[in-house]
């Protein structure tokens, strides 16, 4: 797997660097975790401060296009939505944070 950075843009307001990149690979599509590890190696950043926004692949292609955000510190990462951060850690977090539905109310006679 080989990663090449296409574009880097600083965003000082949100204390992050926004990166567009491509991934060339052989065989099966690499996991989000594998891509993040390799991207952090290329960018020399921490995995805790790197969030992959999207990975897109055309049908039958051995290339991914992606978008990632590399934050300056742990405090700046808190602007990300909870379900996105959970996805990066491999957790399953419900998007709306909604709770399970309770039993329906019983009818009074």
PDB file of N, CA and C in Angstrom:
ATOM      1  N   UNK A   1       0.851  -1.169   0.000  1.00  0.00           N
ATOM      2  CA  UNK A   1       0.000   0.000   0.000  1.00  0.00           C
ATOM      3  C   UNK A   1       0.900   1.236   0.000  1.00  0.00           C
ATOM      4  N   UNK A   2       0.575   2.151  -0.886  1.00  0.00           N
ATOM      5  CA  UNK A   2       1.352   3.379  -1.011  1.00  0.00           C
ATOM      6  C   UNK A   2       0.424   4.586  -0.975  1.00  0.00           C
ATOM      7  N   UNK A   3       0.777   5.575  -0.165  1.00  0.00           N
ATOM      8  CA  UNK A   3      -0.041   6.780  -0.013  1.00  0.00           C
ATOM      9  C   UNK A   3       0.705   7.970  -0.579  1.00  0.00           C
ATOM     10  N   UNK A   4      -0.017   8.761  -1.373  1.00  0.00           N
ATOM     11  CA  UNK A   4       0.565  10.012  -1.867  1.00  0.00           C
ATOM     12  C   UNK A   4      -0.382  11.161  -1.531  1.00  0.00           C
ATOM     13  N   UNK A   5       0.189  12.214  -0.977  1.00  0.00           N
ATOM     14  CA  UNK A   5      -0.589  13.385  -0.563  1.00  0.00           C
ATOM     15  C   UNK A   5      -0.796  14.281  -1.785  1.00  0.00           C
ATOM     16  N   UNK A   6      -2.059  14.600  -2.074  1.00  0.00           N
ATOM     17  CA  UNK A   6      -2.399  15.431  -3.223  1.00  0.00           C
ATOM     18  C   UNK A   6      -2.460  16.916  -2.846  1.00  0.00           C
ATOM     19  N   UNK A   7      -3.006  17.197  -1.666  1.00  0.00           N
ATOM     20  CA  UNK A   7      -3.203  18.589  -1.254  1.00  0.00           C
ATOM     21  C   UNK A   7      -3.165  18.682   0.274  1.00  0.00           C
ATOM     22  N   UNK A   8      -2.514  19.714   0.776  1.00  0.00           N
ATOM     23  CA  UNK A   8      -2.475  20.006   2.201  1.00  0.00           C
ATOM     24  C   UNK A   8      -2.918  21.439   2.406  1.00  0.00           C
ATOM     25  N   UNK A   9      -3.837  21.652   3.350  1.00  0.00           N
ATOM     26  CA  UNK A   9      -4.333  22.989   3.591  1.00  0.00           C
ATOM     27  C   UNK A   9      -4.431  23.220   5.094  1.00  0.00           C
ATOM     28  N   UNK A  10      -3.861  24.312   5.561  1.00  0.00           N
ATOM     29  CA  UNK A  10      -3.916  24.671   6.976  1.00  0.00           C
ATOM     30  C   UNK A  10      -5.256  25.332   7.278  1.00  0.00           C
ATOM     31  N   UNK A  11      -5.834  24.987   8.424  1.00  0.00           N
ATOM     32  CA  UNK A  11      -7.054  25.611   8.905  1.00  0.00           C
ATOM     33  C   UNK A  11      -6.778  26.091  10.334  1.00  0.00           C
ATOM     34  N   UNK A  12      -6.256  27.308  10.473  1.00  0.00           N
ATOM     35  CA  UNK A  12      -5.864  27.784  11.805  1.00  0.00           C
ATOM     36  C   UNK A  12      -7.045  27.997  12.750  1.00  0.00           C
ATOM     37  N   UNK A  13      -8.221  28.267  12.238  1.00  0.00           N
ATOM     38  CA  UNK A  13      -9.382  28.489  13.088  1.00  0.00           C
ATOM     39  C   UNK A  13      -9.738  27.233  13.887  1.00  0.00           C
ATOM     40  N   UNK A  14      -9.676  26.076  13.225  1.00  0.00           N
ATOM     41  CA  UNK A  14      -9.983  24.809  13.889  1.00  0.00           C
ATOM     42  C   UNK A  14      -8.728  24.058  14.335  1.00  0.00           C
ATOM     43  N   UNK A  15      -7.574  24.684  14.205  1.00  0.00           N
ATOM     44  CA  UNK A  15      -6.289  24.108  14.631  1.00  0.00           C
ATOM     45  C   UNK A  15      -6.042  22.742  13.999  1.00  0.00           C
ATOM     46  N   UNK A  16      -6.150  22.694  12.670  1.00  0.00           N
ATOM     47  CA  UNK A  16      -5.927  21.427  11.987  1.00  0.00           C
ATOM     48  C   UNK A  16      -5.365  21.637  10.594  1.00  0.00           C
ATOM     49  N   UNK A  17      -4.837  20.558  10.035  1.00  0.00           N
ATOM     50  CA  UNK A  17      -4.382  20.517   8.655  1.00  0.00           C
ATOM     51  C   UNK A  17      -5.306  19.560   7.918  1.00  0.00           C
ATOM     52  N   UNK A  18      -5.852  19.996   6.792  1.00  0.00           N
ATOM     53  CA  UNK A  18      -6.758  19.171   6.008  1.00  0.00           C
ATOM     54  C   UNK A  18      -5.977  18.598   4.834  1.00  0.00           C
ATOM     55  N   UNK A  19      -6.078  17.292   4.646  1.00  0.00           N
ATOM     56  CA  UNK A  19      -5.247  16.587   3.680  1.00  0.00           C
ATOM     57  C   UNK A  19      -6.118  15.781   2.727  1.00  0.00           C
ATOM     58  N   UNK A  20      -5.851  15.900   1.437  1.00  0.00           N
ATOM     59  CA  UNK A  20      -6.455  15.032   0.419  1.00  0.00           C
ATOM     60  C   UNK A  20      -5.349  14.111  -0.070  1.00  0.00           C
ATOM     61  N   UNK A  21      -5.657  12.822  -0.194  1.00  0.00           N
ATOM     62  CA  UNK A  21      -4.626  11.847  -0.535  1.00  0.00           C
ATOM     63  C   UNK A  21      -5.195  10.720  -1.388  1.00  0.00           C
ATOM     64  N   UNK A  22      -4.298   9.952  -1.999  1.00  0.00           N
ATOM     65  CA  UNK A  22      -4.692   8.746  -2.731  1.00  0.00           C
ATOM     66  C   UNK A  22      -3.904   7.571  -2.173  1.00  0.00           C
ATOM     67  N   UNK A  23      -4.529   6.394  -2.218  1.00  0.00           N
ATOM     68  CA  UNK A  23      -3.911   5.168  -1.730  1.00  0.00           C
ATOM     69  C   UNK A  23      -3.909   4.169  -2.881  1.00  0.00           C
ATOM     70  N   UNK A  24      -2.736   3.677  -3.242  1.00  0.00           N
ATOM     71  CA  UNK A  24      -2.600   2.615  -4.246  1.00  0.00           C
ATOM     72  C   UNK A  24      -2.382   1.312  -3.482  1.00  0.00           C
ATOM     73  N   UNK A  25      -3.115   0.249  -3.836  1.00  0.00           N
ATOM     74  CA  UNK A  25      -2.981  -1.014  -3.117  1.00  0.00           C
ATOM     75  C   UNK A  25      -3.178  -2.181  -4.070  1.00  0.00           C
ATOM     76  N   UNK A  26      -2.737  -3.344  -3.643  1.00  0.00           N
ATOM     77  CA  UNK A  26      -2.942  -4.605  -4.372  1.00  0.00           C
ATOM     78  C   UNK A  26      -3.816  -5.506  -3.518  1.00  0.00           C
ATOM     79  N   UNK A  27      -4.654  -6.293  -4.138  1.00  0.00           N
ATOM     80  CA  UNK A  27      -5.487  -7.226  -3.392  1.00  0.00           C
ATOM     81  C   UNK A  27      -6.728  -6.562  -2.817  1.00  0.00           C
ATOM     82  N   UNK A  28      -7.056  -6.964  -1.598  1.00  0.00           N
ATOM     83  CA  UNK A  28      -8.273  -6.474  -0.938  1.00  0.00           C
ATOM     84  C   UNK A  28      -8.130  -5.009  -0.528  1.00  0.00           C
ATOM     85  N   UNK A  29      -9.255  -4.344  -0.430  1.00  0.00           N
ATOM     86  CA  UNK A  29      -9.285  -2.945  -0.004  1.00  0.00           C
ATOM     87  C   UNK A  29      -8.797  -2.854   1.440  1.00  0.00           C
ATOM     88  N   UNK A  30      -7.838  -1.977   1.714  1.00  0.00           N
ATOM     89  CA  UNK A  30      -7.331  -1.855   3.090  1.00  0.00           C
ATOM     90  C   UNK A  30      -8.379  -1.254   4.020  1.00  0.00           C
ATOM     91  N   UNK A  31      -8.289  -1.616   5.289  1.00  0.00           N
ATOM     92  CA  UNK A  31      -9.242  -1.102   6.278  1.00  0.00           C
ATOM     93  C   UNK A  31      -8.926   0.353   6.599  1.00  0.00           C
ATOM     94  N   UNK A  32      -9.893   1.014   7.187  1.00  0.00           N
ATOM     95  CA  UNK A  32      -9.737   2.412   7.601  1.00  0.00           C
ATOM     96  C   UNK A  32      -8.585   2.529   8.608  1.00  0.00           C
ATOM     97  N   UNK A  33      -8.456   1.550   9.485  1.00  0.00           N
ATOM     98  CA  UNK A  33      -7.386   1.552  10.485  1.00  0.00           C
ATOM     99  C   UNK A  33      -6.016   1.462   9.807  1.00  0.00           C
ATOM    100  N   UNK A  34      -5.875   0.568   8.823  1.00  0.00           N
ATOM    101  CA  UNK A  34      -4.599   0.423   8.113  1.00  0.00           C
ATOM    102  C   UNK A  34      -4.235   1.693   7.358  1.00  0.00           C
ATOM    103  N   UNK A  35      -5.226   2.309   6.734  1.00  0.00           N
ATOM    104  CA  UNK A  35      -4.982   3.550   5.990  1.00  0.00           C
ATOM    105  C   UNK A  35      -4.541   4.654   6.947  1.00  0.00           C
ATOM    106  N   UNK A  36      -5.206   4.758   8.105  1.00  0.00           N
ATOM    107  CA  UNK A  36      -4.842   5.795   9.075  1.00  0.00           C
ATOM    108  C   UNK A  36      -3.424   5.593   9.606  1.00  0.00           C
ATOM    109  N   UNK A  37      -3.046   4.340   9.894  1.00  0.00           N
ATOM    110  CA  UNK A  37      -1.693   4.059  10.372  1.00  0.00           C
ATOM    111  C   UNK A  37      -0.645   4.475   9.347  1.00  0.00           C
ATOM    112  N   UNK A  38      -0.876   4.103   8.092  1.00  0.00           N
ATOM    113  CA  UNK A  38       0.082   4.434   7.035  1.00  0.00           C
ATOM    114  C   UNK A  38       0.118   5.947   6.785  1.00  0.00           C
ATOM    115  N   UNK A  39      -1.041   6.596   6.797  1.00  0.00           N
ATOM    116  CA  UNK A  39      -1.105   8.041   6.584  1.00  0.00           C
ATOM    117  C   UNK A  39      -0.370   8.784   7.704  1.00  0.00           C
ATOM    118  N   UNK A  40      -0.524   8.331   8.937  1.00  0.00           N
ATOM    119  CA  UNK A  40       0.183   8.958  10.058  1.00  0.00           C
ATOM    120  C   UNK A  40       1.688   8.813   9.904  1.00  0.00           C
ATOM    121  N   UNK A  41       2.132   7.703   9.346  1.00  0.00           N
ATOM    122  CA  UNK A  41       3.554   7.525   9.082  1.00  0.00           C
ATOM    123  C   UNK A  41       4.057   8.497   8.033  1.00  0.00           C
ATOM    124  N   UNK A  42       3.272   8.710   6.993  1.00  0.00           N
ATOM    125  CA  UNK A  42       3.653   9.638   5.924  1.00  0.00           C
ATOM    126  C   UNK A  42       3.652  11.080   6.429  1.00  0.00           C
ATOM    127  N   UNK A  43       2.625  11.441   7.209  1.00  0.00           N
ATOM    128  CA  UNK A  43       2.485  12.823   7.695  1.00  0.00           C
ATOM    129  C   UNK A  43       3.252  13.081   8.995  1.00  0.00           C
ATOM    130  N   UNK A  44       3.771  12.021   9.601  1.00  0.00           N
ATOM    131  CA  UNK A  44       4.483  12.121  10.888  1.00  0.00           C
ATOM    132  C   UNK A  44       3.585  12.761  11.947  1.00  0.00           C
ATOM    133  N   UNK A  45       2.403  12.182  12.099  1.00  0.00           N
ATOM    134  CA  UNK A  45       1.436  12.677  13.071  1.00  0.00           C
ATOM    135  C   UNK A  45       0.979  11.538  13.974  1.00  0.00           C
ATOM    136  N   UNK A  46       0.284  11.873  15.038  1.00  0.00           N
ATOM    137  CA  UNK A  46      -0.233  10.900  15.985  1.00  0.00           C
ATOM    138  C   UNK A  46      -1.568  10.340  15.479  1.00  0.00           C
ATOM    139  N   UNK A  47      -1.810   9.061  15.737  1.00  0.00           N
ATOM    140  CA  UNK A  47      -3.078   8.461  15.322  1.00  0.00           C
ATOM    141  C   UNK A  47      -4.249   9.024  16.117  1.00  0.00           C
ATOM    142  N   UNK A  48      -3.995   9.451  17.340  1.00  0.00           N
ATOM    143  CA  UNK A  48      -5.069  10.023  18.166  1.00  0.00           C
ATOM    144  C   UNK A  48      -5.533  11.377  17.649  1.00  0.00           C
ATOM    145  N   UNK A  49      -4.678  12.056  16.896  1.00  0.00           N
ATOM    146  CA  UNK A  49      -5.007  13.393  16.387  1.00  0.00           C
ATOM    147  C   UNK A  49      -5.407  13.388  14.919  1.00  0.00           C
ATOM    148  N   UNK A  50      -5.459  12.208  14.300  1.00  0.00           N
ATOM    149  CA  UNK A  50      -5.792  12.095  12.878  1.00  0.00           C
ATOM    150  C   UNK A  50      -7.169  11.469  12.722  1.00  0.00           C
ATOM    151  N   UNK A  51      -8.028  12.136  11.953  1.00  0.00           N
ATOM    152  CA  UNK A  51      -9.394  11.651  11.710  1.00  0.00           C
ATOM    153  C   UNK A  51      -9.602  11.562  10.206  1.00  0.00           C
ATOM    154  N   UNK A  52      -9.965  10.377   9.735  1.00  0.00           N
ATOM    155  CA  UNK A  52     -10.245  10.206   8.310  1.00  0.00           C
ATOM    156  C   UNK A  52     -11.701  10.575   8.070  1.00  0.00           C
ATOM    157  N   UNK A  53     -11.914  11.570   7.217  1.00  0.00           N
ATOM    158  CA  UNK A  53     -13.266  12.027   6.917  1.00  0.00           C
ATOM    159  C   UNK A  53     -13.964  11.142   5.908  1.00  0.00           C
ATOM    160  N   UNK A  54     -13.262  10.758   4.860  1.00  0.00           N
ATOM    161  CA  UNK A  54     -13.890   9.907   3.845  1.00  0.00           C
ATOM    162  C   UNK A  54     -12.834   9.103   3.097  1.00  0.00           C
ATOM    163  N   UNK A  55     -13.264   7.948   2.630  1.00  0.00           N
ATOM    164  CA  UNK A  55     -12.475   7.109   1.736  1.00  0.00           C
ATOM    165  C   UNK A  55     -13.407   6.685   0.611  1.00  0.00           C
ATOM    166  N   UNK A  56     -13.016   6.949  -0.614  1.00  0.00           N
ATOM    167  CA  UNK A  56     -13.870   6.619  -1.751  1.00  0.00           C
ATOM    168  C   UNK A  56     -13.099   5.751  -2.729  1.00  0.00           C
ATOM    169  N   UNK A  57     -13.785   4.739  -3.270  1.00  0.00           N
ATOM    170  CA  UNK A  57     -13.164   3.837  -4.227  1.00  0.00           C
ATOM    171  C   UNK A  57     -14.132   3.596  -5.372  1.00  0.00           C
ATOM    172  N   UNK A  58     -13.627   3.680  -6.599  1.00  0.00           N
ATOM    173  CA  UNK A  58     -14.441   3.351  -7.757  1.00  0.00           C
ATOM    174  C   UNK A  58     -14.564   1.844  -7.890  1.00  0.00           C
ATOM    175  N   UNK A  59     -15.603   1.384  -8.546  1.00  0.00           N
ATOM    176  CA  UNK A  59     -15.853  -0.040  -8.693  1.00  0.00           C
ATOM    177  C   UNK A  59     -14.690  -0.722  -9.414  1.00  0.00           C
ATOM    178  N   UNK A  60     -14.127  -1.731  -8.781  1.00  0.00           N
ATOM    179  CA  UNK A  60     -13.070  -2.519  -9.385  1.00  0.00           C
ATOM    180  C   UNK A  60     -11.705  -1.855  -9.420  1.00  0.00           C
ATOM    181  N   UNK A  61     -11.562  -0.706  -8.829  1.00  0.00           N
ATOM    182  CA  UNK A  61     -10.284  -0.002  -8.850  1.00  0.00           C
ATOM    183  C   UNK A  61      -9.424  -0.402  -7.656  1.00  0.00           C
ATOM    184  N   UNK A  62      -8.118  -0.282  -7.840  1.00  0.00           N
ATOM    185  CA  UNK A  62      -7.189  -0.553  -6.746  1.00  0.00           C
ATOM    186  C   UNK A  62      -6.603   0.768  -6.244  1.00  0.00           C
ATOM    187  N   UNK A  63      -7.460   1.755  -6.151  1.00  0.00           N
ATOM    188  CA  UNK A  63      -7.052   3.076  -5.688  1.00  0.00           C
ATOM    189  C   UNK A  63      -8.179   3.670  -4.852  1.00  0.00           C
ATOM    190  N   UNK A  64      -7.802   4.291  -3.740  1.00  0.00           N
ATOM    191  CA  UNK A  64      -8.750   5.009  -2.888  1.00  0.00           C
ATOM    192  C   UNK A  64      -8.407   6.488  -2.919  1.00  0.00           C
ATOM    193  N   UNK A  65      -9.423   7.323  -2.845  1.00  0.00           N
ATOM    194  CA  UNK A  65      -9.222   8.758  -2.646  1.00  0.00           C
ATOM    195  C   UNK A  65      -9.755   9.076  -1.270  1.00  0.00           C
ATOM    196  N   UNK A  66      -9.023   9.884  -0.534  1.00  0.00           N
ATOM    197  CA  UNK A  66      -9.438  10.145   0.831  1.00  0.00           C
ATOM    198  C   UNK A  66      -9.237  11.575   1.267  1.00  0.00           C
ATOM    199  N   UNK A  67      -9.863  11.882   2.401  1.00  0.00           N
ATOM    200  CA  UNK A  67      -9.785  13.190   3.027  1.00  0.00           C
ATOM    201  C   UNK A  67      -9.577  12.955   4.515  1.00  0.00           C
ATOM    202  N   UNK A  68      -8.573  13.607   5.086  1.00  0.00           N
ATOM    203  CA  UNK A  68      -8.288  13.436   6.509  1.00  0.00           C
ATOM    204  C   UNK A  68      -8.017  14.789   7.150  1.00  0.00           C
ATOM    205  N   UNK A  69      -8.188  14.826   8.472  1.00  0.00           N
ATOM    206  CA  UNK A  69      -7.921  16.035   9.249  1.00  0.00           C
ATOM    207  C   UNK A  69      -6.931  15.683  10.346  1.00  0.00           C
ATOM    208  N   UNK A  70      -5.835  16.435  10.397  1.00  0.00           N
ATOM    209  CA  UNK A  70      -4.812  16.218  11.414  1.00  0.00           C
ATOM    210  C   UNK A  70      -4.836  17.415  12.359  1.00  0.00           C
ATOM    211  N   UNK A  71      -5.218  17.164  13.612  1.00  0.00           N
ATOM    212  CA  UNK A  71      -5.364  18.229  14.602  1.00  0.00           C
ATOM    213  C   UNK A  71      -4.048  18.501  15.322  1.00  0.00           C
ATOM    214  N   UNK A  72      -3.920  19.708  15.863  1.00  0.00           N
ATOM    215  CA  UNK A  72      -2.707  20.129  16.566  1.00  0.00           C
ATOM    216  C   UNK A  72      -2.624  19.530  17.971  1.00  0.00           C
ATOM    217  N   UNK A  73      -3.768  19.409  18.676  1.00  0.00           N
ATOM    218  CA  UNK A  73      -3.765  18.867  20.033  1.00  0.00           C
ATOM    219  C   UNK A  73      -5.088  18.156  20.319  1.00  0.00           C
ATOM    220  N   UNK A  74      -5.127  17.465  21.442  1.00  0.00           N
ATOM    221  CA  UNK A  74      -6.307  16.675  21.803  1.00  0.00           C
ATOM    222  C   UNK A  74      -7.532  17.546  22.059  1.00  0.00           C
ATOM    223  N   UNK A  75      -7.328  18.749  22.518  1.00  0.00           N
ATOM    224  CA  UNK A  75      -8.444  19.658  22.771  1.00  0.00           C
ATOM    225  C   UNK A  75      -9.140  20.040  21.460  1.00  0.00           C
ATOM    226  N   UNK A  76      -8.369  20.207  20.394  1.00  0.00           N
ATOM    227  CA  UNK A  76      -8.931  20.604  19.100  1.00  0.00           C
ATOM    228  C   UNK A  76      -9.753  19.482  18.460  1.00  0.00           C
ATOM    229  N   UNK A  77      -9.460  18.231  18.806  1.00  0.00           N
ATOM    230  CA  UNK A  77     -10.185  17.088  18.227  1.00  0.00           C
ATOM    231  C   UNK A  77     -11.638  17.063  18.690  1.00  0.00           C
ATOM    232  N   UNK A  78     -11.938  17.718  19.779  1.00  0.00           N
ATOM    233  CA  UNK A  78     -13.290  17.685  20.348  1.00  0.00           C
ATOM    234  C   UNK A  78     -14.345  18.329  19.464  1.00  0.00           C
ATOM    235  N   UNK A  79     -13.947  19.025  18.390  1.00  0.00           N
ATOM    236  CA  UNK A  79     -14.941  19.596  17.480  1.00  0.00           C
ATOM    237  C   UNK A  79     -15.561  18.521  16.590  1.00  0.00           C
ATOM    238  N   UNK A  80     -14.916  17.359  16.500  1.00  0.00           N
ATOM    239  CA  UNK A  80     -15.450  16.257  15.697  1.00  0.00           C
ATOM    240  C   UNK A  80     -16.680  15.658  16.371  1.00  0.00           C
ATOM    241  N   UNK A  81     -17.598  15.150  15.567  1.00  0.00           N
ATOM    242  CA  UNK A  81     -18.798  14.528  16.105  1.00  0.00           C
ATOM    243  C   UNK A  81     -18.452  13.204  16.781  1.00  0.00           C
ATOM    244  N   UNK A  82     -19.222  12.866  17.792  1.00  0.00           N
ATOM    245  CA  UNK A  82     -18.952  11.686  18.608  1.00  0.00           C
ATOM    246  C   UNK A  82     -18.951  10.391  17.795  1.00  0.00           C
ATOM    247  N   UNK A  83     -19.862  10.248  16.849  1.00  0.00           N
ATOM    248  CA  UNK A  83     -19.919   9.005  16.079  1.00  0.00           C
ATOM    249  C   UNK A  83     -18.734   8.886  15.119  1.00  0.00           C
ATOM    250  N   UNK A  84     -18.186  10.001  14.668  1.00  0.00           N
ATOM    251  CA  UNK A  84     -17.005   9.966  13.803  1.00  0.00           C
ATOM    252  C   UNK A  84     -15.795   9.507  14.607  1.00  0.00           C
ATOM    253  N   UNK A  85     -15.626  10.045  15.807  1.00  0.00           N
ATOM    254  CA  UNK A  85     -14.517   9.631  16.661  1.00  0.00           C
ATOM    255  C   UNK A  85     -14.647   8.164  17.054  1.00  0.00           C
ATOM    256  N   UNK A  86     -15.864   7.711  17.305  1.00  0.00           N
ATOM    257  CA  UNK A  86     -16.094   6.303  17.627  1.00  0.00           C
ATOM    258  C   UNK A  86     -15.745   5.401  16.463  1.00  0.00           C
ATOM    259  N   UNK A  87     -16.043   5.843  15.263  1.00  0.00           N
ATOM    260  CA  UNK A  87     -15.719   5.064  14.058  1.00  0.00           C
ATOM    261  C   UNK A  87     -14.209   4.922  13.910  1.00  0.00           C
ATOM    262  N   UNK A  88     -13.472   5.959  14.246  1.00  0.00           N
ATOM    263  CA  UNK A  88     -12.016   5.908  14.156  1.00  0.00           C
ATOM    264  C   UNK A  88     -11.424   4.908  15.148  1.00  0.00           C
ATOM    265  N   UNK A  89     -12.081   4.753  16.300  1.00  0.00           N
ATOM    266  CA  UNK A  89     -11.588   3.835  17.321  1.00  0.00           C
ATOM    267  C   UNK A  89     -12.130   2.429  17.134  1.00  0.00           C
ATOM    268  N   UNK A  90     -13.041   2.243  16.177  1.00  0.00           N
ATOM    269  CA  UNK A  90     -13.619   0.930  15.945  1.00  0.00           C
ATOM    270  C   UNK A  90     -14.833   0.641  16.811  1.00  0.00           C
ATOM    271  N   UNK A  91     -15.342   1.648  17.487  1.00  0.00           N
ATOM    272  CA  UNK A  91     -16.520   1.484  18.337  1.00  0.00           C
ATOM    273  C   UNK A  91     -17.778   1.704  17.512  1.00  0.00           C
ATOM    274  N   UNK A  92     -18.888   1.188  18.004  1.00  0.00           N
ATOM    275  CA  UNK A  92     -20.162   1.428  17.342  1.00  0.00           C
ATOM    276  C   UNK A  92     -20.960   2.409  18.182  1.00  0.00           C
ATOM    277  N   UNK A  93     -21.033   3.636  17.708  1.00  0.00           N
ATOM    278  CA  UNK A  93     -21.759   4.691  18.408  1.00  0.00           C
ATOM    279  C   UNK A  93     -22.926   5.106  17.528  1.00  0.00           C
ATOM    280  N   UNK A  94     -24.103   5.203  18.118  1.00  0.00           N
ATOM    281  CA  UNK A  94     -25.268   5.616  17.341  1.00  0.00           C
ATOM    282  C   UNK A  94     -25.156   7.089  17.018  1.00  0.00           C
ATOM    283  N   UNK A  95     -25.490   7.446  15.796  1.00  0.00           N
ATOM    284  CA  UNK A  95     -25.305   8.801  15.296  1.00  0.00           C
ATOM    285  C   UNK A  95     -26.049   9.849  16.120  1.00  0.00           C
ATOM    286  N   UNK A  96     -27.318   9.649  16.396  1.00  0.00           N
ATOM    287  CA  UNK A  96     -28.105  10.652  17.106  1.00  0.00           C
ATOM    288  C   UNK A  96     -27.976  10.562  18.613  1.00  0.00           C
ATOM    289  N   UNK A  97     -27.315   9.519  19.087  1.00  0.00           N
ATOM    290  CA  UNK A  97     -27.215   9.337  20.525  1.00  0.00           C
ATOM    291  C   UNK A  97     -28.556   8.940  21.130  1.00  0.00           C
ATOM    292  N   UNK A  98     -29.473   8.465  20.274  1.00  0.00           N
ATOM    293  CA  UNK A  98     -30.812   8.110  20.738  1.00  0.00           C
ATOM    294  C   UNK A  98     -30.762   6.826  21.558  1.00  0.00           C
ATOM    295  N   UNK A  99     -31.643   6.762  22.528  1.00  0.00           N
ATOM    296  CA  UNK A  99     -31.721   5.573  23.366  1.00  0.00           C
ATOM    297  C   UNK A  99     -32.696   4.593  22.728  1.00  0.00           C
ATOM    298  N   UNK A 100     -32.640   3.348  23.192  1.00  0.00           N
ATOM    299  CA  UNK A 100     -33.586   2.353  22.701  1.00  0.00           C
ATOM    300  C   UNK A 100     -34.996   2.749  23.120  1.00  0.00           C
ATOM    301  N   UNK A 101     -35.953   2.412  22.275  1.00  0.00           N
ATOM    302  CA  UNK A 101     -37.351   2.731  22.584  1.00  0.00           C
ATOM    303  C   UNK A 101     -37.818   1.879  23.761  1.00  0.00           C
ATOM    304  N   UNK A 102     -38.539   2.485  24.653  1.00  0.00           N
ATOM    305  CA  UNK A 102     -39.063   1.748  25.807  1.00  0.00           C
ATOM    306  C   UNK A 102     -40.358   1.049  25.404  1.00  0.00           C
ATOM    307  N   UNK A 103     -40.908   0.266  26.330  1.00  0.00           N
ATOM    308  CA  UNK A 103     -42.159  -0.449  26.056  1.00  0.00           C
ATOM    309  C   UNK A 103     -43.275   0.567  25.809  1.00  0.00           C
ATOM    310  N   UNK A 104     -44.195   0.238  24.917  1.00  0.00           N
ATOM    311  CA  UNK A 104     -45.311   1.175  24.680  1.00  0.00           C
ATOM    312  C   UNK A 104     -46.199   1.267  25.932  1.00  0.00           C
ATOM    313  N   UNK A 105     -46.809   2.410  26.113  1.00  0.00           N
ATOM    314  CA  UNK A 105     -47.677   2.634  27.293  1.00  0.00           C
ATOM    315  C   UNK A 105     -48.889   1.727  27.221  1.00  0.00           C
ATOM    316  N   UNK A 106     -49.273   1.214  28.370  1.00  0.00           N
ATOM    317  CA  UNK A 106     -50.440   0.329  28.423  1.00  0.00           C
ATOM    318  C   UNK A 106     -51.717   1.172  28.391  1.00  0.00           C
ATOM    319  N   UNK A 107     -52.739   0.602  27.747  1.00  0.00           N
ATOM    320  CA  UNK A 107     -54.023   1.297  27.660  1.00  0.00           C
ATOM    321  C   UNK A 107     -54.817   1.081  28.940  1.00  0.00           C
ATOM    322  N   UNK A 108     -55.511   2.138  29.370  1.00  0.00           N
ATOM    323  CA  UNK A 108     -56.375   2.029  30.529  1.00  0.00           C
ATOM    324  C   UNK A 108     -57.772   1.635  30.063  1.00  0.00           C
ATOM    325  N   UNK A 109     -58.399   0.778  30.810  1.00  0.00           N
ATOM    326  CA  UNK A 109     -59.719   0.293  30.411  1.00  0.00           C
ATOM    327  C   UNK A 109     -60.818   1.233  30.779  1.00  0.00           C
TER     328      UNK A 109
END
